[in-house]
Amino acid sequence: MEQNTVDEMLKWQSAHRLEAVAERLRQRSFEAEVCETREAARERVLALAEPAHSVGFGGSLTVACLNLTRPLREAGKEILNHGFPGLSPEEKMEIMRRQLTCDLFLTSTNALTEEGVLVNVDGNGNRVAAMIFGPRQVVLVAGRNKLVRGGVQEALARIAEVSGPVNAYRLARKTPCAETGVCVNCAGKCLASICRATTVLRQRPTSTPFRVLLVNEDMGL
């Protein structure tokens, strides 16, 4: 059997899985839709950003995959991205504070259960804070690789096994997992730990318009 046929069948299966998760997210008061490709997700985000004057970026590799900065800037949007090179610590902190009140906040999630629960672990807490309250709209983009079978504990296990160690390595943190690739549950023992604030969004936060774009591709960590 040709490999592309196998890939097509697997994509067909994951599309059904994503549609089921989207429906469960809607039951939890999120707006949710499935995008078959990252290109489709990119166009959807750009359309959703049209009314916004300021757009905040939560430090997501998934969102970075969409290459949104240039078209948003050309459309006259103010870009609030604390990950831009050359920023001082003070400038980064000011941008993170301003993300809390931006018109559109773009982010992803560390893990998403099949029941539609969003689970995240943060260091500064700016990303999860903006997901909960402040921005006029939150748009969260999640690749199919973020889905976990099971509940919150399985989501936390995914974060410990994948997101935490790889992000610590990416950010050049002096943590045990950044050296070995394995989580040793260093919270409270390592000053450089990025696992400081854990949030579980079981429903859409009451005052925050929140849309989840599920992408039928692997994206981010």
N, C-alpha and C. Protein backbone atom coordinates (compact mmCIF):
# COMPACT_ATOMS: atom_id res chain seq x y z
N MET A 1 0.84 -1.20 0.00
CA MET A 1 0.00 0.00 0.00
C MET A 1 0.88 1.24 0.00
N GLU A 2 0.54 2.23 -0.81
CA GLU A 2 1.31 3.46 -0.88
C GLU A 2 1.26 4.21 0.45
N GLN A 3 2.41 4.82 0.83
CA GLN A 3 2.47 5.52 2.11
C GLN A 3 1.51 6.70 2.16
N ASN A 4 1.38 7.40 1.02
CA ASN A 4 0.49 8.56 1.07
C ASN A 4 -0.96 8.12 1.32
N THR A 5 -1.32 6.91 0.90
CA THR A 5 -2.65 6.40 1.19
C THR A 5 -2.80 6.13 2.68
N VAL A 6 -1.77 5.58 3.30
CA VAL A 6 -1.78 5.36 4.74
C VAL A 6 -1.90 6.70 5.47
N ASP A 7 -1.12 7.69 5.04
CA ASP A 7 -1.18 9.02 5.66
C ASP A 7 -2.58 9.62 5.55
N GLU A 8 -3.20 9.44 4.39
CA GLU A 8 -4.54 9.97 4.19
C GLU A 8 -5.55 9.30 5.12
N MET A 9 -5.41 8.00 5.32
CA MET A 9 -6.32 7.29 6.20
C MET A 9 -6.14 7.74 7.65
N LEU A 10 -4.88 7.92 8.05
CA LEU A 10 -4.63 8.38 9.41
C LEU A 10 -5.15 9.79 9.61
N LYS A 11 -5.02 10.62 8.58
CA LYS A 11 -5.54 11.99 8.68
C LYS A 11 -7.06 11.98 8.76
N TRP A 12 -7.68 11.09 8.01
CA TRP A 12 -9.13 10.92 8.08
C TRP A 12 -9.57 10.55 9.49
N GLN A 13 -8.83 9.63 10.10
CA GLN A 13 -9.17 9.21 11.46
C GLN A 13 -9.01 10.35 12.46
N SER A 14 -7.89 11.07 12.36
CA SER A 14 -7.65 12.15 13.31
C SER A 14 -8.64 13.29 13.12
N ALA A 15 -9.14 13.49 11.88
CA ALA A 15 -10.15 14.52 11.64
C ALA A 15 -11.41 14.22 12.43
N HIS A 16 -11.82 12.95 12.45
CA HIS A 16 -13.00 12.55 13.22
C HIS A 16 -12.75 12.77 14.72
N ARG A 17 -11.57 12.45 15.16
CA ARG A 17 -11.24 12.63 16.58
C ARG A 17 -11.28 14.11 16.95
N LEU A 18 -10.73 14.96 16.08
CA LEU A 18 -10.72 16.39 16.34
C LEU A 18 -12.13 16.98 16.35
N GLU A 19 -12.97 16.52 15.44
CA GLU A 19 -14.35 17.00 15.41
C GLU A 19 -15.08 16.65 16.70
N ALA A 20 -14.80 15.47 17.23
CA ALA A 20 -15.44 15.07 18.48
C ALA A 20 -14.97 15.95 19.64
N VAL A 21 -13.68 16.26 19.66
CA VAL A 21 -13.15 17.14 20.71
C VAL A 21 -13.71 18.55 20.55
N ALA A 22 -13.83 19.02 19.32
CA ALA A 22 -14.40 20.35 19.08
C ALA A 22 -15.82 20.43 19.64
N GLU A 23 -16.60 19.40 19.44
CA GLU A 23 -17.96 19.39 19.97
C GLU A 23 -17.96 19.42 21.50
N ARG A 24 -17.04 18.70 22.11
CA ARG A 24 -16.98 18.72 23.58
C ARG A 24 -16.52 20.08 24.09
N LEU A 25 -15.64 20.75 23.35
CA LEU A 25 -15.25 22.11 23.71
C LEU A 25 -16.45 23.05 23.64
N ARG A 26 -17.27 22.89 22.60
CA ARG A 26 -18.46 23.74 22.48
C ARG A 26 -19.41 23.51 23.65
N GLN A 27 -19.50 22.28 24.10
CA GLN A 27 -20.35 21.99 25.25
C GLN A 27 -19.84 22.67 26.51
N ARG A 28 -18.56 23.00 26.50
CA ARG A 28 -17.94 23.70 27.64
C ARG A 28 -17.86 25.20 27.38
N SER A 29 -18.65 25.69 26.43
CA SER A 29 -18.83 27.12 26.12
C SER A 29 -17.68 27.75 25.34
N PHE A 30 -16.70 26.97 24.90
CA PHE A 30 -15.69 27.49 23.99
C PHE A 30 -16.28 27.51 22.58
N GLU A 31 -15.79 28.43 21.76
CA GLU A 31 -16.01 28.30 20.33
C GLU A 31 -14.89 27.41 19.80
N ALA A 32 -15.21 26.49 18.93
CA ALA A 32 -14.20 25.54 18.48
C ALA A 32 -14.47 25.13 17.05
N GLU A 33 -13.39 24.94 16.30
CA GLU A 33 -13.51 24.48 14.91
C GLU A 33 -12.25 23.73 14.53
N VAL A 34 -12.36 22.93 13.48
CA VAL A 34 -11.24 22.13 13.01
C VAL A 34 -10.72 22.73 11.71
N CYS A 35 -9.41 22.88 11.62
CA CYS A 35 -8.73 23.31 10.40
C CYS A 35 -7.92 22.13 9.89
N GLU A 36 -8.10 21.79 8.64
CA GLU A 36 -7.43 20.61 8.10
C GLU A 36 -5.92 20.78 7.96
N THR A 37 -5.46 22.02 7.78
CA THR A 37 -4.04 22.28 7.60
C THR A 37 -3.63 23.51 8.39
N ARG A 38 -2.33 23.67 8.58
CA ARG A 38 -1.84 24.87 9.26
C ARG A 38 -2.08 26.11 8.40
N GLU A 39 -2.08 25.93 7.08
CA GLU A 39 -2.36 27.07 6.20
C GLU A 39 -3.79 27.56 6.42
N ALA A 40 -4.72 26.62 6.56
CA ALA A 40 -6.11 27.00 6.83
C ALA A 40 -6.23 27.69 8.19
N ALA A 41 -5.49 27.20 9.18
CA ALA A 41 -5.50 27.83 10.50
C ALA A 41 -4.94 29.24 10.42
N ARG A 42 -3.89 29.42 9.64
CA ARG A 42 -3.28 30.75 9.47
C ARG A 42 -4.29 31.73 8.90
N GLU A 43 -5.00 31.33 7.85
CA GLU A 43 -5.98 32.21 7.24
C GLU A 43 -7.13 32.51 8.20
N ARG A 44 -7.48 31.53 9.01
CA ARG A 44 -8.57 31.75 9.98
C ARG A 44 -8.15 32.75 11.04
N VAL A 45 -6.92 32.62 11.53
CA VAL A 45 -6.43 33.57 12.54
C VAL A 45 -6.38 34.98 11.96
N LEU A 46 -5.89 35.12 10.74
CA LEU A 46 -5.81 36.44 10.13
C LEU A 46 -7.20 37.06 9.97
N ALA A 47 -8.18 36.25 9.64
CA ALA A 47 -9.55 36.75 9.53
C ALA A 47 -10.08 37.19 10.89
N LEU A 48 -9.82 36.39 11.92
CA LEU A 48 -10.28 36.73 13.26
C LEU A 48 -9.58 37.97 13.80
N ALA A 49 -8.38 38.25 13.29
CA ALA A 49 -7.60 39.40 13.77
C ALA A 49 -8.00 40.71 13.12
N GLU A 50 -8.84 40.67 12.12
CA GLU A 50 -9.16 41.89 11.38
C GLU A 50 -9.66 43.03 12.27
N PRO A 51 -10.54 42.80 13.25
CA PRO A 51 -11.03 43.92 14.06
C PRO A 51 -10.02 44.39 15.12
N ALA A 52 -8.99 43.61 15.37
CA ALA A 52 -8.07 43.89 16.48
C ALA A 52 -7.08 45.00 16.13
N HIS A 53 -6.76 45.81 17.11
CA HIS A 53 -5.70 46.82 16.97
C HIS A 53 -4.38 46.28 17.53
N SER A 54 -4.46 45.53 18.62
CA SER A 54 -3.26 44.98 19.24
C SER A 54 -3.38 43.46 19.32
N VAL A 55 -2.28 42.76 19.01
CA VAL A 55 -2.27 41.30 19.02
C VAL A 55 -1.12 40.83 19.89
N GLY A 56 -1.44 40.05 20.91
CA GLY A 56 -0.43 39.51 21.81
C GLY A 56 -0.08 38.08 21.47
N PHE A 57 1.18 37.74 21.62
CA PHE A 57 1.67 36.40 21.36
C PHE A 57 2.16 35.80 22.68
N GLY A 58 1.67 34.60 23.00
CA GLY A 58 1.98 34.00 24.29
C GLY A 58 3.22 33.14 24.35
N GLY A 59 4.10 33.24 23.35
CA GLY A 59 5.33 32.45 23.39
C GLY A 59 5.15 31.03 22.92
N SER A 60 4.19 30.81 22.01
CA SER A 60 3.86 29.47 21.55
C SER A 60 4.61 29.11 20.28
N LEU A 61 5.24 27.93 20.26
CA LEU A 61 5.86 27.43 19.04
C LEU A 61 4.81 27.07 18.00
N THR A 62 3.65 26.62 18.45
CA THR A 62 2.57 26.30 17.52
C THR A 62 2.15 27.55 16.75
N VAL A 63 1.93 28.64 17.47
CA VAL A 63 1.54 29.89 16.81
C VAL A 63 2.67 30.40 15.93
N ALA A 64 3.91 30.23 16.37
CA ALA A 64 5.06 30.67 15.57
C ALA A 64 5.08 29.96 14.22
N CYS A 65 4.60 28.70 14.18
CA CYS A 65 4.57 27.94 12.93
C CYS A 65 3.69 28.60 11.87
N LEU A 66 2.79 29.47 12.29
CA LEU A 66 1.85 30.08 11.36
C LEU A 66 2.40 31.32 10.67
N ASN A 67 3.56 31.82 11.13
CA ASN A 67 4.21 32.98 10.49
C ASN A 67 3.23 34.15 10.34
N LEU A 68 2.73 34.61 11.46
CA LEU A 68 1.69 35.63 11.46
C LEU A 68 2.20 37.06 11.61
N THR A 69 3.40 37.23 12.11
CA THR A 69 3.86 38.57 12.47
C THR A 69 3.84 39.53 11.29
N ARG A 70 4.41 39.11 10.19
CA ARG A 70 4.51 40.02 9.04
C ARG A 70 3.15 40.46 8.51
N PRO A 71 2.22 39.51 8.22
CA PRO A 71 0.93 39.97 7.70
C PRO A 71 0.14 40.80 8.70
N LEU A 72 0.26 40.50 9.97
CA LEU A 72 -0.44 41.29 10.98
C LEU A 72 0.14 42.70 11.06
N ARG A 73 1.45 42.79 11.00
CA ARG A 73 2.10 44.11 11.03
C ARG A 73 1.74 44.92 9.79
N GLU A 74 1.73 44.26 8.64
CA GLU A 74 1.37 44.95 7.40
C GLU A 74 -0.09 45.41 7.41
N ALA A 75 -0.90 44.72 8.21
CA ALA A 75 -2.31 45.13 8.34
C ALA A 75 -2.49 46.23 9.38
N GLY A 76 -1.38 46.71 9.94
CA GLY A 76 -1.44 47.83 10.87
C GLY A 76 -1.65 47.45 12.32
N LYS A 77 -1.49 46.17 12.65
CA LYS A 77 -1.70 45.74 14.04
C LYS A 77 -0.45 46.04 14.89
N GLU A 78 -0.69 46.37 16.14
CA GLU A 78 0.41 46.47 17.10
C GLU A 78 0.73 45.05 17.58
N ILE A 79 1.99 44.65 17.45
CA ILE A 79 2.40 43.31 17.82
C ILE A 79 3.02 43.34 19.21
N LEU A 80 2.47 42.53 20.10
CA LEU A 80 2.98 42.43 21.47
C LEU A 80 3.58 41.04 21.65
N ASN A 81 4.86 40.94 21.40
CA ASN A 81 5.55 39.66 21.45
C ASN A 81 6.82 39.82 22.28
N HIS A 82 6.81 39.25 23.49
CA HIS A 82 7.96 39.39 24.38
C HIS A 82 9.12 38.50 23.95
N GLY A 83 8.91 37.71 22.89
CA GLY A 83 9.98 36.83 22.41
C GLY A 83 10.85 37.46 21.33
N PHE A 84 10.56 38.68 20.94
CA PHE A 84 11.39 39.33 19.93
C PHE A 84 12.82 39.49 20.45
N PRO A 85 13.81 39.26 19.60
CA PRO A 85 15.21 39.40 20.05
C PRO A 85 15.56 40.85 20.36
N GLY A 86 16.52 41.00 21.27
CA GLY A 86 17.04 42.33 21.59
C GLY A 86 16.28 43.08 22.66
N LEU A 87 15.23 42.49 23.21
CA LEU A 87 14.47 43.17 24.25
C LEU A 87 15.15 43.03 25.61
N SER A 88 15.12 44.08 26.38
CA SER A 88 15.66 44.01 27.74
C SER A 88 14.65 43.29 28.63
N PRO A 89 15.07 42.81 29.80
CA PRO A 89 14.12 42.18 30.72
C PRO A 89 12.95 43.10 31.07
N GLU A 90 13.22 44.39 31.21
CA GLU A 90 12.17 45.34 31.54
C GLU A 90 11.18 45.47 30.38
N GLU A 91 11.69 45.50 29.16
CA GLU A 91 10.82 45.60 27.99
C GLU A 91 9.97 44.34 27.84
N LYS A 92 10.56 43.18 28.08
CA LYS A 92 9.79 41.94 28.01
C LYS A 92 8.66 41.95 29.03
N MET A 93 8.96 42.39 30.24
CA MET A 93 7.95 42.41 31.29
C MET A 93 6.81 43.36 30.94
N GLU A 94 7.13 44.51 30.37
CA GLU A 94 6.10 45.47 29.99
C GLU A 94 5.21 44.89 28.89
N ILE A 95 5.80 44.20 27.94
CA ILE A 95 5.01 43.58 26.87
C ILE A 95 4.10 42.51 27.44
N MET A 96 4.61 41.69 28.35
CA MET A 96 3.78 40.64 28.95
C MET A 96 2.61 41.24 29.71
N ARG A 97 2.83 42.37 30.35
CA ARG A 97 1.73 43.03 31.06
C ARG A 97 0.69 43.55 30.07
N ARG A 98 1.15 44.08 28.97
CA ARG A 98 0.23 44.64 27.97
C ARG A 98 -0.55 43.54 27.25
N GLN A 99 0.04 42.34 27.17
CA GLN A 99 -0.69 41.22 26.57
C GLN A 99 -1.98 40.92 27.34
N LEU A 100 -2.00 41.26 28.60
CA LEU A 100 -3.16 40.96 29.44
C LEU A 100 -4.38 41.79 29.06
N THR A 101 -4.17 42.87 28.31
CA THR A 101 -5.30 43.72 27.91
C THR A 101 -5.33 43.95 26.40
N CYS A 102 -4.70 43.07 25.63
CA CYS A 102 -4.67 43.25 24.18
C CYS A 102 -6.04 42.89 23.57
N ASP A 103 -6.23 43.26 22.32
CA ASP A 103 -7.49 42.96 21.65
C ASP A 103 -7.60 41.48 21.29
N LEU A 104 -6.47 40.89 20.90
CA LEU A 104 -6.46 39.48 20.52
C LEU A 104 -5.20 38.83 21.07
N PHE A 105 -5.38 37.77 21.83
CA PHE A 105 -4.25 37.04 22.39
C PHE A 105 -4.16 35.69 21.72
N LEU A 106 -3.00 35.41 21.13
CA LEU A 106 -2.77 34.15 20.41
C LEU A 106 -1.89 33.23 21.24
N THR A 107 -2.32 32.00 21.39
CA THR A 107 -1.57 31.07 22.22
C THR A 107 -1.86 29.63 21.79
N SER A 108 -1.27 28.69 22.48
CA SER A 108 -1.60 27.28 22.30
C SER A 108 -1.81 26.67 23.68
N THR A 109 -1.80 25.37 23.75
CA THR A 109 -1.97 24.68 25.02
C THR A 109 -0.93 23.58 25.13
N ASN A 110 -0.57 23.23 26.34
CA ASN A 110 0.37 22.13 26.53
C ASN A 110 -0.29 20.78 26.31
N ALA A 111 -1.57 20.71 26.65
CA ALA A 111 -2.29 19.44 26.47
C ALA A 111 -3.78 19.72 26.46
N LEU A 112 -4.50 18.88 25.72
CA LEU A 112 -5.95 18.99 25.60
C LEU A 112 -6.54 17.59 25.71
N THR A 113 -7.41 17.40 26.69
CA THR A 113 -8.01 16.08 26.86
C THR A 113 -9.12 15.88 25.83
N GLU A 114 -9.47 14.63 25.58
CA GLU A 114 -10.52 14.35 24.62
C GLU A 114 -11.89 14.78 25.12
N GLU A 115 -11.98 15.13 26.40
CA GLU A 115 -13.23 15.66 26.94
C GLU A 115 -13.29 17.18 26.81
N GLY A 116 -12.26 17.80 26.23
CA GLY A 116 -12.28 19.24 26.00
C GLY A 116 -11.75 20.08 27.14
N VAL A 117 -10.85 19.53 27.93
CA VAL A 117 -10.25 20.27 29.05
C VAL A 117 -8.84 20.70 28.65
N LEU A 118 -8.53 21.98 28.84
CA LEU A 118 -7.22 22.55 28.50
C LEU A 118 -6.33 22.56 29.73
N VAL A 119 -5.14 21.97 29.61
CA VAL A 119 -4.23 21.86 30.75
C VAL A 119 -2.90 22.51 30.37
N ASN A 120 -2.42 23.40 31.24
CA ASN A 120 -1.19 24.14 30.97
C ASN A 120 -0.34 24.30 32.20
N VAL A 121 0.97 24.34 31.98
CA VAL A 121 1.93 24.60 33.06
C VAL A 121 2.83 25.73 32.59
N ASP A 122 2.98 26.76 33.42
CA ASP A 122 3.69 27.97 33.04
C ASP A 122 4.77 28.32 34.06
N GLY A 123 5.73 29.10 33.61
CA GLY A 123 6.76 29.61 34.50
C GLY A 123 6.39 30.97 35.06
N ASN A 124 6.32 31.99 34.19
CA ASN A 124 5.91 33.32 34.62
C ASN A 124 4.43 33.40 34.94
N GLY A 125 3.63 32.65 34.22
CA GLY A 125 2.19 32.71 34.40
C GLY A 125 1.50 33.71 33.49
N ASN A 126 2.29 34.46 32.69
CA ASN A 126 1.68 35.47 31.81
C ASN A 126 0.78 34.82 30.76
N ARG A 127 1.20 33.68 30.23
CA ARG A 127 0.41 33.02 29.19
C ARG A 127 -0.92 32.53 29.73
N VAL A 128 -0.88 31.82 30.84
CA VAL A 128 -2.13 31.28 31.37
C VAL A 128 -3.01 32.39 31.95
N ALA A 129 -2.40 33.45 32.47
CA ALA A 129 -3.19 34.57 32.97
C ALA A 129 -3.99 35.21 31.85
N ALA A 130 -3.33 35.42 30.70
CA ALA A 130 -4.02 36.04 29.56
C ALA A 130 -5.07 35.11 28.96
N MET A 131 -4.90 33.82 29.10
CA MET A 131 -5.90 32.88 28.62
C MET A 131 -7.18 32.95 29.45
N ILE A 132 -7.05 33.38 30.70
CA ILE A 132 -8.19 33.33 31.61
C ILE A 132 -8.98 34.63 31.63
N PHE A 133 -8.28 35.79 31.66
CA PHE A 133 -9.01 37.06 31.79
C PHE A 133 -8.16 38.22 31.30
N GLY A 134 -8.80 39.13 30.60
CA GLY A 134 -8.12 40.36 30.20
C GLY A 134 -8.25 40.69 28.73
N PRO A 135 -7.70 39.87 27.83
CA PRO A 135 -7.81 40.17 26.40
C PRO A 135 -9.27 40.20 25.93
N ARG A 136 -9.53 40.98 24.89
CA ARG A 136 -10.88 41.05 24.34
C ARG A 136 -11.26 39.74 23.65
N GLN A 137 -10.26 39.02 23.18
CA GLN A 137 -10.52 37.71 22.58
C GLN A 137 -9.25 36.86 22.69
N VAL A 138 -9.44 35.57 22.98
CA VAL A 138 -8.34 34.61 22.98
C VAL A 138 -8.57 33.63 21.84
N VAL A 139 -7.54 33.40 21.04
CA VAL A 139 -7.58 32.36 20.01
C VAL A 139 -6.46 31.38 20.31
N LEU A 140 -6.82 30.15 20.54
CA LEU A 140 -5.86 29.11 20.88
C LEU A 140 -5.77 28.13 19.71
N VAL A 141 -4.55 27.89 19.25
CA VAL A 141 -4.31 26.97 18.13
C VAL A 141 -3.63 25.72 18.69
N ALA A 142 -4.20 24.57 18.38
CA ALA A 142 -3.63 23.32 18.90
C ALA A 142 -3.55 22.27 17.80
N GLY A 143 -2.37 21.73 17.59
CA GLY A 143 -2.21 20.62 16.66
C GLY A 143 -2.74 19.34 17.27
N ARG A 144 -2.96 18.34 16.43
CA ARG A 144 -3.52 17.07 16.89
C ARG A 144 -2.61 16.36 17.88
N ASN A 145 -1.31 16.69 17.87
CA ASN A 145 -0.39 16.06 18.81
C ASN A 145 -0.62 16.49 20.25
N LYS A 146 -1.40 17.56 20.46
CA LYS A 146 -1.66 18.01 21.82
C LYS A 146 -2.76 17.21 22.51
N LEU A 147 -3.50 16.40 21.75
CA LEU A 147 -4.58 15.62 22.33
C LEU A 147 -4.04 14.47 23.17
N VAL A 148 -4.69 14.24 24.30
CA VAL A 148 -4.32 13.10 25.14
C VAL A 148 -5.55 12.26 25.41
N ARG A 149 -5.35 10.96 25.43
CA ARG A 149 -6.44 10.05 25.80
C ARG A 149 -6.43 9.94 27.33
N GLY A 150 -7.56 10.22 27.91
CA GLY A 150 -7.62 10.22 29.37
C GLY A 150 -7.99 11.60 29.87
N GLY A 151 -7.68 11.86 31.14
CA GLY A 151 -8.08 13.10 31.76
C GLY A 151 -6.92 14.01 32.11
N VAL A 152 -7.11 14.78 33.17
CA VAL A 152 -6.12 15.79 33.56
C VAL A 152 -4.79 15.15 33.94
N GLN A 153 -4.81 14.01 34.61
CA GLN A 153 -3.55 13.38 35.00
C GLN A 153 -2.75 12.95 33.78
N GLU A 154 -3.44 12.46 32.76
CA GLU A 154 -2.74 12.08 31.54
C GLU A 154 -2.19 13.31 30.83
N ALA A 155 -2.94 14.42 30.91
CA ALA A 155 -2.46 15.66 30.31
C ALA A 155 -1.20 16.15 31.03
N LEU A 156 -1.22 16.08 32.35
CA LEU A 156 -0.04 16.49 33.12
C LEU A 156 1.15 15.58 32.83
N ALA A 157 0.86 14.30 32.60
CA ALA A 157 1.94 13.37 32.26
C ALA A 157 2.55 13.73 30.92
N ARG A 158 1.73 14.13 29.96
CA ARG A 158 2.25 14.56 28.67
C ARG A 158 3.16 15.77 28.83
N ILE A 159 2.73 16.71 29.66
CA ILE A 159 3.53 17.91 29.88
C ILE A 159 4.87 17.56 30.52
N ALA A 160 4.85 16.65 31.50
CA ALA A 160 6.09 16.24 32.16
C ALA A 160 7.02 15.49 31.22
N GLU A 161 6.43 14.74 30.31
CA GLU A 161 7.25 13.90 29.42
C GLU A 161 7.75 14.66 28.19
N VAL A 162 6.96 15.63 27.71
CA VAL A 162 7.29 16.29 26.45
C VAL A 162 7.50 17.79 26.61
N SER A 163 6.44 18.52 26.91
CA SER A 163 6.49 19.98 26.89
C SER A 163 7.51 20.56 27.87
N GLY A 164 7.46 20.08 29.10
CA GLY A 164 8.34 20.64 30.12
C GLY A 164 9.82 20.51 29.80
N PRO A 165 10.33 19.29 29.62
CA PRO A 165 11.75 19.13 29.35
C PRO A 165 12.22 19.83 28.07
N VAL A 166 11.43 19.71 27.00
CA VAL A 166 11.88 20.29 25.73
C VAL A 166 11.84 21.82 25.78
N ASN A 167 10.83 22.38 26.44
CA ASN A 167 10.79 23.83 26.58
C ASN A 167 11.92 24.35 27.46
N ALA A 168 12.23 23.61 28.51
CA ALA A 168 13.36 24.01 29.37
C ALA A 168 14.66 24.01 28.59
N TYR A 169 14.83 23.00 27.74
CA TYR A 169 16.01 22.94 26.88
C TYR A 169 16.00 24.10 25.88
N ARG A 170 14.85 24.36 25.26
CA ARG A 170 14.72 25.44 24.28
C ARG A 170 15.06 26.79 24.88
N LEU A 171 14.64 26.98 26.13
CA LEU A 171 14.85 28.26 26.80
C LEU A 171 16.19 28.33 27.53
N ALA A 172 17.00 27.28 27.39
CA ALA A 172 18.33 27.21 28.01
C ALA A 172 18.26 27.39 29.52
N ARG A 173 17.27 26.76 30.15
CA ARG A 173 17.15 26.83 31.59
C ARG A 173 18.08 25.82 32.25
N LYS A 174 18.60 26.17 33.40
CA LYS A 174 19.49 25.26 34.12
C LYS A 174 18.66 24.37 35.04
N THR A 175 17.97 23.44 34.41
CA THR A 175 17.13 22.49 35.14
C THR A 175 17.62 21.07 34.84
N PRO A 176 17.33 20.13 35.70
CA PRO A 176 17.73 18.74 35.42
C PRO A 176 17.15 18.24 34.10
N CYS A 177 15.89 18.59 33.80
CA CYS A 177 15.27 18.06 32.59
C CYS A 177 15.89 18.66 31.33
N ALA A 178 16.44 19.88 31.42
CA ALA A 178 17.09 20.49 30.26
C ALA A 178 18.40 19.79 29.93
N GLU A 179 18.94 19.06 30.89
CA GLU A 179 20.18 18.31 30.66
C GLU A 179 19.92 16.87 30.23
N THR A 180 18.86 16.27 30.80
CA THR A 180 18.63 14.84 30.56
C THR A 180 17.42 14.55 29.68
N GLY A 181 16.53 15.54 29.53
CA GLY A 181 15.30 15.32 28.77
C GLY A 181 14.22 14.60 29.56
N VAL A 182 14.46 14.40 30.85
CA VAL A 182 13.52 13.66 31.69
C VAL A 182 13.10 14.52 32.88
N CYS A 183 11.80 14.62 33.12
CA CYS A 183 11.30 15.37 34.26
C CYS A 183 11.62 14.63 35.56
N VAL A 184 12.15 15.38 36.55
CA VAL A 184 12.43 14.79 37.86
C VAL A 184 11.60 15.48 38.95
N ASN A 185 10.53 16.18 38.49
CA ASN A 185 9.64 16.87 39.43
C ASN A 185 10.43 17.80 40.35
N CYS A 186 11.13 18.75 39.73
CA CYS A 186 12.04 19.62 40.48
C CYS A 186 11.37 20.83 41.11
N ALA A 187 10.05 20.98 40.94
CA ALA A 187 9.36 22.13 41.52
C ALA A 187 9.63 22.21 43.02
N GLY A 188 10.04 23.38 43.47
CA GLY A 188 10.38 23.57 44.88
C GLY A 188 11.81 23.22 45.21
N LYS A 189 12.53 22.65 44.23
CA LYS A 189 13.91 22.24 44.45
C LYS A 189 14.88 22.94 43.51
N CYS A 190 14.36 23.50 42.42
CA CYS A 190 15.21 24.10 41.40
C CYS A 190 14.71 25.52 41.10
N LEU A 191 15.55 26.51 41.32
CA LEU A 191 15.14 27.90 41.11
C LEU A 191 14.86 28.22 39.65
N ALA A 192 15.41 27.44 38.74
CA ALA A 192 15.22 27.70 37.31
C ALA A 192 13.98 27.00 36.74
N SER A 193 13.23 26.29 37.57
CA SER A 193 12.08 25.53 37.10
C SER A 193 11.09 26.42 36.35
N ILE A 194 10.56 25.91 35.23
CA ILE A 194 9.52 26.63 34.49
C ILE A 194 8.14 26.05 34.78
N CYS A 195 8.06 25.10 35.68
CA CYS A 195 6.78 24.47 36.03
C CYS A 195 6.28 25.04 37.34
N ARG A 196 5.68 26.23 37.29
CA ARG A 196 5.32 26.95 38.50
C ARG A 196 3.83 27.20 38.66
N ALA A 197 3.13 27.38 37.56
CA ALA A 197 1.69 27.65 37.63
C ALA A 197 0.96 26.66 36.74
N THR A 198 0.07 25.87 37.33
CA THR A 198 -0.70 24.88 36.57
C THR A 198 -2.15 25.32 36.51
N THR A 199 -2.71 25.35 35.29
CA THR A 199 -4.11 25.73 35.13
C THR A 199 -4.86 24.62 34.41
N VAL A 200 -6.10 24.45 34.82
CA VAL A 200 -6.99 23.46 34.21
C VAL A 200 -8.27 24.21 33.84
N LEU A 201 -8.49 24.43 32.54
CA LEU A 201 -9.69 25.12 32.09
C LEU A 201 -10.74 24.08 31.71
N ARG A 202 -11.69 23.88 32.60
CA ARG A 202 -12.74 22.90 32.37
C ARG A 202 -13.90 23.50 31.58
N GLN A 203 -14.01 24.81 31.60
CA GLN A 203 -14.99 25.53 30.81
C GLN A 203 -14.38 26.86 30.40
N ARG A 204 -15.03 27.52 29.42
CA ARG A 204 -14.55 28.84 29.03
C ARG A 204 -14.68 29.79 30.21
N PRO A 205 -13.61 30.55 30.52
CA PRO A 205 -13.73 31.56 31.56
C PRO A 205 -14.88 32.52 31.24
N THR A 206 -15.68 32.84 32.21
CA THR A 206 -16.96 33.52 32.01
C THR A 206 -16.88 34.76 31.14
N SER A 207 -15.90 35.62 31.37
CA SER A 207 -15.86 36.92 30.70
C SER A 207 -14.87 36.99 29.54
N THR A 208 -14.40 35.85 29.07
CA THR A 208 -13.37 35.83 28.03
C THR A 208 -13.86 35.12 26.76
N PRO A 209 -14.11 35.87 25.68
CA PRO A 209 -14.39 35.21 24.40
C PRO A 209 -13.20 34.34 24.01
N PHE A 210 -13.43 33.09 23.70
CA PHE A 210 -12.33 32.13 23.59
C PHE A 210 -12.64 31.15 22.46
N ARG A 211 -11.78 31.13 21.45
CA ARG A 211 -11.96 30.24 20.31
C ARG A 211 -10.77 29.29 20.21
N VAL A 212 -11.04 28.01 20.00
CA VAL A 212 -10.00 27.00 19.85
C VAL A 212 -10.00 26.51 18.40
N LEU A 213 -8.85 26.61 17.75
CA LEU A 213 -8.67 26.09 16.41
C LEU A 213 -7.87 24.79 16.51
N LEU A 214 -8.49 23.68 16.18
CA LEU A 214 -7.82 22.39 16.21
C LEU A 214 -7.31 22.08 14.81
N VAL A 215 -6.02 21.81 14.70
CA VAL A 215 -5.38 21.62 13.40
C VAL A 215 -5.04 20.15 13.19
N ASN A 216 -5.41 19.64 12.03
CA ASN A 216 -5.19 18.23 11.74
C ASN A 216 -3.77 17.99 11.24
N GLU A 217 -2.81 18.51 11.98
CA GLU A 217 -1.38 18.30 11.76
C GLU A 217 -0.71 18.33 13.11
N ASP A 218 0.50 17.76 13.20
CA ASP A 218 1.32 17.91 14.39
C ASP A 218 1.97 19.28 14.35
N MET A 219 1.82 20.03 15.44
CA MET A 219 2.38 21.37 15.52
C MET A 219 2.89 21.64 16.92
N GLY A 220 4.06 22.27 17.01
CA GLY A 220 4.59 22.65 18.31
C GLY A 220 4.96 21.45 19.15
N LEU A 221 5.07 21.71 20.46
CA LEU A 221 5.47 20.65 21.39
C LEU A 221 4.23 20.04 22.05
